[in-house]
Amino acid sequence: MRRLFVVVTVIASACGSVAMAQCPPTGGSSCKYDYYRNKMWPAPFTAADTNSVVAIFEQQRTNGWRLHNTLSSSMFDSTTNCLTEAGRAHVKWIVTQAPQNRRVVFVLQDANQQLTATRVESTQLAISELVPVGPLPQIYLTDREPFGSSGVYQTAIHRAMANSVPSPRLTSSSGSGSGTGGGSGAATP
């Protein structure tokens, strides 16, 4: 037992001298810093963790607004490259209804630079008609096309679906009894 005590004491003193060797002999400010940092452990790092998580959601929100405020090729006339009525309505909503920090218009970039320039010019003209005085919302080019399709296409699909619905009709029931019990309740055509 005494031998075990001596071995433990020697090991403890060796570990203590190693631990003391890590602290500087003058003041030990590094050890105090490490001690308090370890003592306060999760608190100094929670803000950085929270910011890293929140930053992802902010980026997703920004990307969503970017797609929402994008004028795709369906918002421009295919022959003149001027805004259609739907495009003008969308620009009007962006300029007048969107939150102040989200009043930015994105124009979908085309392979033809002249076509893109004509679309931007048409968009600038529509914005200047809506905001005659003051700073105008910025217009940026983007290569990300928003999801969706033109209103003409959606109207054609809706009308075709409405025309294909059969007209409602009642089925006749067979009179095989007094109408009480026994049957499955299903009507026969």
C-alpha atoms as a PDB file:
ATOM      1  CA  MET A   1       0.000   0.000   0.000  1.00  0.00           C
ATOM      2  CA  ARG A   2       2.833   2.313   0.873  1.00  0.00           C
ATOM      3  CA  ARG A   3       4.487   1.515  -2.405  1.00  0.00           C
ATOM      4  CA  LEU A   4       1.310   2.461  -4.311  1.00  0.00           C
ATOM      5  CA  PHE A   5       1.181   5.782  -2.435  1.00  0.00           C
ATOM      6  CA  VAL A   6       4.765   6.584  -3.409  1.00  0.00           C
ATOM      7  CA  VAL A   7       4.098   5.770  -7.078  1.00  0.00           C
ATOM      8  CA  VAL A   8       0.972   7.935  -7.156  1.00  0.00           C
ATOM      9  CA  THR A   9       2.820  10.805  -5.490  1.00  0.00           C
ATOM     10  CA  VAL A  10       5.663  10.636  -8.002  1.00  0.00           C
ATOM     11  CA  ILE A  11       3.255  10.588 -10.929  1.00  0.00           C
ATOM     12  CA  ALA A  12       1.222  13.486  -9.516  1.00  0.00           C
ATOM     13  CA  SER A  13       4.287  15.611  -8.951  1.00  0.00           C
ATOM     14  CA  ALA A  14       5.514  14.887 -12.475  1.00  0.00           C
ATOM     15  CA  CYS A  15       2.155  15.921 -13.959  1.00  0.00           C
ATOM     16  CA  GLY A  16       2.096  19.012 -11.788  1.00  0.00           C
ATOM     17  CA  SER A  17       5.536  20.063 -12.931  1.00  0.00           C
ATOM     18  CA  VAL A  18       4.488  19.578 -16.566  1.00  0.00           C
ATOM     19  CA  ALA A  19       1.336  21.655 -15.999  1.00  0.00           C
ATOM     20  CA  MET A  20       3.328  24.356 -14.262  1.00  0.00           C
ATOM     21  CA  ALA A  21       5.862  24.330 -17.082  1.00  0.00           C
ATOM     22  CA  GLN A  22       3.111  25.348 -19.501  1.00  0.00           C
ATOM     23  CA  CYS A  23       2.317  28.484 -17.507  1.00  0.00           C
ATOM     24  CA  PRO A  24       4.836  31.292 -17.814  1.00  0.00           C
ATOM     25  CA  PRO A  25       6.703  32.000 -14.591  1.00  0.00           C
ATOM     26  CA  THR A  26       5.741  35.681 -14.678  1.00  0.00           C
ATOM     27  CA  GLY A  27       2.081  36.187 -13.836  1.00  0.00           C
ATOM     28  CA  GLY A  28       0.583  33.265 -15.796  1.00  0.00           C
ATOM     29  CA  SER A  29      -1.799  35.491 -17.781  1.00  0.00           C
ATOM     30  CA  SER A  30      -2.081  32.881 -20.540  1.00  0.00           C
ATOM     31  CA  CYS A  31      -3.190  30.275 -18.020  1.00  0.00           C
ATOM     32  CA  LYS A  32      -5.764  32.670 -16.594  1.00  0.00           C
ATOM     33  CA  TYR A  33      -7.032  33.428 -20.079  1.00  0.00           C
ATOM     34  CA  ASP A  34      -7.330  29.718 -20.898  1.00  0.00           C
ATOM     35  CA  TYR A  35      -8.979  29.009 -17.549  1.00  0.00           C
ATOM     36  CA  TYR A  36     -11.673  31.680 -17.997  1.00  0.00           C
ATOM     37  CA  ARG A  37     -12.198  30.745 -21.626  1.00  0.00           C
ATOM     38  CA  ASN A  38     -12.788  27.125 -20.654  1.00  0.00           C
ATOM     39  CA  LYS A  39     -14.969  28.155 -17.718  1.00  0.00           C
ATOM     40  CA  MET A  40     -17.224  30.282 -19.989  1.00  0.00           C
ATOM     41  CA  TRP A  41     -17.024  27.693 -22.780  1.00  0.00           C
ATOM     42  CA  PRO A  42     -20.267  27.637 -24.735  1.00  0.00           C
ATOM     43  CA  ALA A  43     -21.115  31.330 -24.306  1.00  0.00           C
ATOM     44  CA  PRO A  44     -18.354  32.919 -26.452  1.00  0.00           C
ATOM     45  CA  PHE A  45     -19.099  30.595 -29.356  1.00  0.00           C
ATOM     46  CA  THR A  46     -22.914  30.649 -29.496  1.00  0.00           C
ATOM     47  CA  ALA A  47     -23.050  33.962 -31.360  1.00  0.00           C
ATOM     48  CA  ALA A  48     -20.786  32.669 -34.118  1.00  0.00           C
ATOM     49  CA  ASP A  49     -22.811  29.451 -34.372  1.00  0.00           C
ATOM     50  CA  THR A  50     -26.085  31.364 -34.513  1.00  0.00           C
ATOM     51  CA  ASN A  51     -24.763  33.717 -37.189  1.00  0.00           C
ATOM     52  CA  SER A  52     -23.571  30.820 -39.331  1.00  0.00           C
ATOM     53  CA  VAL A  53     -27.060  29.272 -39.248  1.00  0.00           C
ATOM     54  CA  VAL A  54     -28.937  32.543 -39.783  1.00  0.00           C
ATOM     55  CA  ALA A  55     -26.694  33.517 -42.701  1.00  0.00           C
ATOM     56  CA  ILE A  56     -27.935  30.523 -44.685  1.00  0.00           C
ATOM     57  CA  PHE A  57     -31.565  31.565 -44.246  1.00  0.00           C
ATOM     58  CA  GLU A  58     -30.780  35.150 -45.206  1.00  0.00           C
ATOM     59  CA  GLN A  59     -29.084  33.946 -48.385  1.00  0.00           C
ATOM     60  CA  GLN A  60     -32.107  31.779 -49.219  1.00  0.00           C
ATOM     61  CA  ARG A  61     -34.408  34.748 -48.639  1.00  0.00           C
ATOM     62  CA  THR A  62     -32.271  36.924 -50.916  1.00  0.00           C
ATOM     63  CA  ASN A  63     -32.251  34.252 -53.632  1.00  0.00           C
ATOM     64  CA  GLY A  64     -36.043  33.952 -53.396  1.00  0.00           C
ATOM     65  CA  TRP A  65     -36.522  37.700 -53.828  1.00  0.00           C
ATOM     66  CA  ARG A  66     -34.075  37.643 -56.708  1.00  0.00           C
ATOM     67  CA  LEU A  67     -36.112  34.976 -58.514  1.00  0.00           C
ATOM     68  CA  HIS A  68     -39.374  36.754 -57.707  1.00  0.00           C
ATOM     69  CA  ASN A  69     -38.126  40.088 -59.050  1.00  0.00           C
ATOM     70  CA  THR A  70     -36.695  38.596 -62.251  1.00  0.00           C
ATOM     71  CA  LEU A  71     -38.312  39.527 -65.554  1.00  0.00           C
ATOM     72  CA  SER A  72     -38.073  36.401 -67.701  1.00  0.00           C
ATOM     73  CA  SER A  73     -38.387  36.216 -71.468  1.00  0.00           C
ATOM     74  CA  SER A  74     -42.140  35.562 -71.181  1.00  0.00           C
ATOM     75  CA  MET A  75     -42.556  39.094 -69.770  1.00  0.00           C
ATOM     76  CA  PHE A  76     -41.273  40.644 -73.000  1.00  0.00           C
ATOM     77  CA  ASP A  77     -42.927  40.727 -76.417  1.00  0.00           C
ATOM     78  CA  SER A  78     -41.178  38.295 -78.739  1.00  0.00           C
ATOM     79  CA  THR A  79     -41.112  40.713 -81.700  1.00  0.00           C
ATOM     80  CA  THR A  80     -40.455  44.131 -80.138  1.00  0.00           C
ATOM     81  CA  ASN A  81     -38.741  43.003 -76.895  1.00  0.00           C
ATOM     82  CA  CYS A  82     -40.797  45.568 -74.985  1.00  0.00           C
ATOM     83  CA  LEU A  83     -42.513  44.681 -71.737  1.00  0.00           C
ATOM     84  CA  THR A  84     -45.897  42.980 -72.060  1.00  0.00           C
ATOM     85  CA  GLU A  85     -48.833  43.945 -69.847  1.00  0.00           C
ATOM     86  CA  ALA A  86     -47.856  41.175 -67.435  1.00  0.00           C
ATOM     87  CA  GLY A  87     -44.293  42.498 -67.383  1.00  0.00           C
ATOM     88  CA  ARG A  88     -45.478  46.046 -66.714  1.00  0.00           C
ATOM     89  CA  ALA A  89     -47.720  44.805 -63.892  1.00  0.00           C
ATOM     90  CA  HIS A  90     -44.815  42.896 -62.376  1.00  0.00           C
ATOM     91  CA  VAL A  91     -42.505  45.922 -62.580  1.00  0.00           C
ATOM     92  CA  LYS A  92     -45.233  48.068 -61.021  1.00  0.00           C
ATOM     93  CA  TRP A  93     -45.575  45.624 -58.122  1.00  0.00           C
ATOM     94  CA  ILE A  94     -41.811  45.552 -57.557  1.00  0.00           C
ATOM     95  CA  VAL A  95     -41.507  49.350 -57.639  1.00  0.00           C
ATOM     96  CA  THR A  96     -44.558  50.156 -55.506  1.00  0.00           C
ATOM     97  CA  GLN A  97     -45.365  47.147 -53.301  1.00  0.00           C
ATOM     98  CA  ALA A  98     -42.145  45.283 -52.534  1.00  0.00           C
ATOM     99  CA  PRO A  99     -40.316  46.151 -49.297  1.00  0.00           C
ATOM    100  CA  GLN A 100     -37.959  49.108 -49.693  1.00  0.00           C
ATOM    101  CA  ASN A 101     -34.812  46.992 -49.420  1.00  0.00           C
ATOM    102  CA  ARG A 102     -36.141  44.534 -52.044  1.00  0.00           C
ATOM    103  CA  ARG A 103     -37.061  47.040 -54.773  1.00  0.00           C
ATOM    104  CA  VAL A 104     -34.560  45.760 -57.281  1.00  0.00           C
ATOM    105  CA  VAL A 105     -35.415  44.521 -60.778  1.00  0.00           C
ATOM    106  CA  PHE A 106     -33.542  41.663 -62.425  1.00  0.00           C
ATOM    107  CA  VAL A 107     -33.686  41.107 -66.178  1.00  0.00           C
ATOM    108  CA  LEU A 108     -32.953  37.651 -67.532  1.00  0.00           C
ATOM    109  CA  GLN A 109     -29.860  37.788 -69.686  1.00  0.00           C
ATOM    110  CA  ASP A 110     -30.149  36.471 -73.246  1.00  0.00           C
ATOM    111  CA  ALA A 111     -27.398  35.042 -75.465  1.00  0.00           C
ATOM    112  CA  ASN A 112     -27.888  38.014 -77.791  1.00  0.00           C
ATOM    113  CA  GLN A 113     -26.475  41.121 -76.073  1.00  0.00           C
ATOM    114  CA  GLN A 114     -28.522  43.493 -78.254  1.00  0.00           C
ATOM    115  CA  LEU A 115     -31.707  41.716 -77.182  1.00  0.00           C
ATOM    116  CA  THR A 116     -30.685  42.023 -73.536  1.00  0.00           C
ATOM    117  CA  ALA A 117     -29.920  45.743 -73.966  1.00  0.00           C
ATOM    118  CA  THR A 118     -33.349  46.326 -75.534  1.00  0.00           C
ATOM    119  CA  ARG A 119     -35.046  44.531 -72.626  1.00  0.00           C
ATOM    120  CA  VAL A 120     -33.121  46.577 -70.058  1.00  0.00           C
ATOM    121  CA  GLU A 121     -34.002  49.803 -71.882  1.00  0.00           C
ATOM    122  CA  SER A 122     -37.691  48.845 -71.956  1.00  0.00           C
ATOM    123  CA  THR A 123     -37.564  48.056 -68.236  1.00  0.00           C
ATOM    124  CA  GLN A 124     -35.865  51.386 -67.446  1.00  0.00           C
ATOM    125  CA  LEU A 125     -38.555  53.226 -69.403  1.00  0.00           C
ATOM    126  CA  ALA A 126     -41.332  51.443 -67.486  1.00  0.00           C
ATOM    127  CA  ILE A 127     -39.677  52.208 -64.139  1.00  0.00           C
ATOM    128  CA  SER A 128     -39.155  55.882 -64.991  1.00  0.00           C
ATOM    129  CA  GLU A 129     -42.867  56.169 -65.858  1.00  0.00           C
ATOM    130  CA  LEU A 130     -43.799  54.715 -62.452  1.00  0.00           C
ATOM    131  CA  VAL A 131     -41.286  56.744 -60.432  1.00  0.00           C
ATOM    132  CA  PRO A 132     -41.054  60.185 -62.047  1.00  0.00           C
ATOM    133  CA  VAL A 133     -39.164  61.780 -59.112  1.00  0.00           C
ATOM    134  CA  GLY A 134     -36.519  60.398 -56.797  1.00  0.00           C
ATOM    135  CA  PRO A 135     -34.078  57.523 -56.964  1.00  0.00           C
ATOM    136  CA  LEU A 136     -34.998  54.725 -59.336  1.00  0.00           C
ATOM    137  CA  PRO A 137     -34.731  51.059 -58.369  1.00  0.00           C
ATOM    138  CA  GLN A 138     -31.627  49.332 -59.642  1.00  0.00           C
ATOM    139  CA  ILE A 139     -31.751  46.991 -62.645  1.00  0.00           C
ATOM    140  CA  TYR A 140     -29.386  44.026 -62.707  1.00  0.00           C
ATOM    141  CA  LEU A 141     -28.801  41.252 -65.219  1.00  0.00           C
ATOM    142  CA  THR A 142     -29.195  37.672 -64.060  1.00  0.00           C
ATOM    143  CA  ASP A 143     -28.733  34.249 -65.580  1.00  0.00           C
ATOM    144  CA  ARG A 144     -31.134  32.435 -63.228  1.00  0.00           C
ATOM    145  CA  GLU A 145     -34.517  31.908 -64.820  1.00  0.00           C
ATOM    146  CA  PRO A 146     -37.479  31.927 -62.441  1.00  0.00           C
ATOM    147  CA  PHE A 147     -39.809  28.961 -62.269  1.00  0.00           C
ATOM    148  CA  GLY A 148     -43.092  29.205 -64.134  1.00  0.00           C
ATOM    149  CA  SER A 149     -44.475  29.743 -67.590  1.00  0.00           C
ATOM    150  CA  SER A 150     -46.344  32.368 -69.548  1.00  0.00           C
ATOM    151  CA  GLY A 151     -49.931  33.302 -68.800  1.00  0.00           C
ATOM    152  CA  VAL A 152     -50.990  32.345 -72.333  1.00  0.00           C
ATOM    153  CA  TYR A 153     -49.747  28.806 -71.753  1.00  0.00           C
ATOM    154  CA  GLN A 154     -51.431  28.547 -68.350  1.00  0.00           C
ATOM    155  CA  THR A 155     -54.713  29.878 -69.760  1.00  0.00           C
ATOM    156  CA  ALA A 156     -54.628  27.320 -72.581  1.00  0.00           C
ATOM    157  CA  ILE A 157     -54.060  24.492 -70.080  1.00  0.00           C
ATOM    158  CA  HIS A 158     -56.854  25.730 -67.802  1.00  0.00           C
ATOM    159  CA  ARG A 159     -59.329  26.018 -70.685  1.00  0.00           C
ATOM    160  CA  ALA A 160     -58.431  22.572 -72.053  1.00  0.00           C
ATOM    161  CA  MET A 161     -58.913  21.059 -68.608  1.00  0.00           C
ATOM    162  CA  ALA A 162     -62.248  22.826 -68.126  1.00  0.00           C
ATOM    163  CA  ASN A 163     -63.469  21.654 -71.557  1.00  0.00           C
ATOM    164  CA  SER A 164     -62.511  18.028 -70.911  1.00  0.00           C
ATOM    165  CA  VAL A 165     -64.606  17.648 -67.749  1.00  0.00           C
ATOM    166  CA  PRO A 166     -67.685  15.531 -68.476  1.00  0.00           C
ATOM    167  CA  SER A 167     -71.043  17.092 -67.744  1.00  0.00           C
ATOM    168  CA  PRO A 168     -72.576  15.959 -64.448  1.00  0.00           C
ATOM    169  CA  ARG A 169     -75.365  13.385 -64.533  1.00  0.00           C
ATOM    170  CA  LEU A 170     -77.383  11.405 -62.055  1.00  0.00           C
ATOM    171  CA  THR A 171     -77.390   7.652 -62.254  1.00  0.00           C
ATOM    172  CA  SER A 172     -80.668   5.767 -62.217  1.00  0.00           C
ATOM    173  CA  SER A 173     -81.297   3.251 -59.463  1.00  0.00           C
ATOM    174  CA  SER A 174     -82.928  -0.102 -60.009  1.00  0.00           C
ATOM    175  CA  GLY A 175     -86.183  -0.522 -58.065  1.00  0.00           C
ATOM    176  CA  SER A 176     -85.696  -4.056 -56.732  1.00  0.00           C
ATOM    177  CA  GLY A 177     -87.627  -3.806 -53.521  1.00  0.00           C
ATOM    178  CA  SER A 178     -89.097  -1.475 -51.018  1.00  0.00           C
ATOM    179  CA  GLY A 179     -85.826   0.407 -50.662  1.00  0.00           C
ATOM    180  CA  THR A 180     -85.086  -0.775 -47.157  1.00  0.00           C
ATOM    181  CA  GLY A 181     -81.949  -2.651 -46.279  1.00  0.00           C
ATOM    182  CA  GLY A 182     -80.186  -5.460 -48.057  1.00  0.00           C
ATOM    183  CA  GLY A 183     -78.635  -3.517 -50.952  1.00  0.00           C
ATOM    184  CA  SER A 184     -75.120  -2.258 -51.294  1.00  0.00           C
ATOM    185  CA  GLY A 185     -76.397   1.237 -51.903  1.00  0.00           C
ATOM    186  CA  ALA A 186     -74.568   1.544 -55.219  1.00  0.00           C
ATOM    187  CA  ALA A 187     -76.558   2.940 -58.098  1.00  0.00           C
ATOM    188  CA  THR A 188     -76.433   1.260 -61.473  1.00  0.00           C
ATOM    189  CA  PRO A 189     -76.200   3.279 -64.645  1.00  0.00           C
END
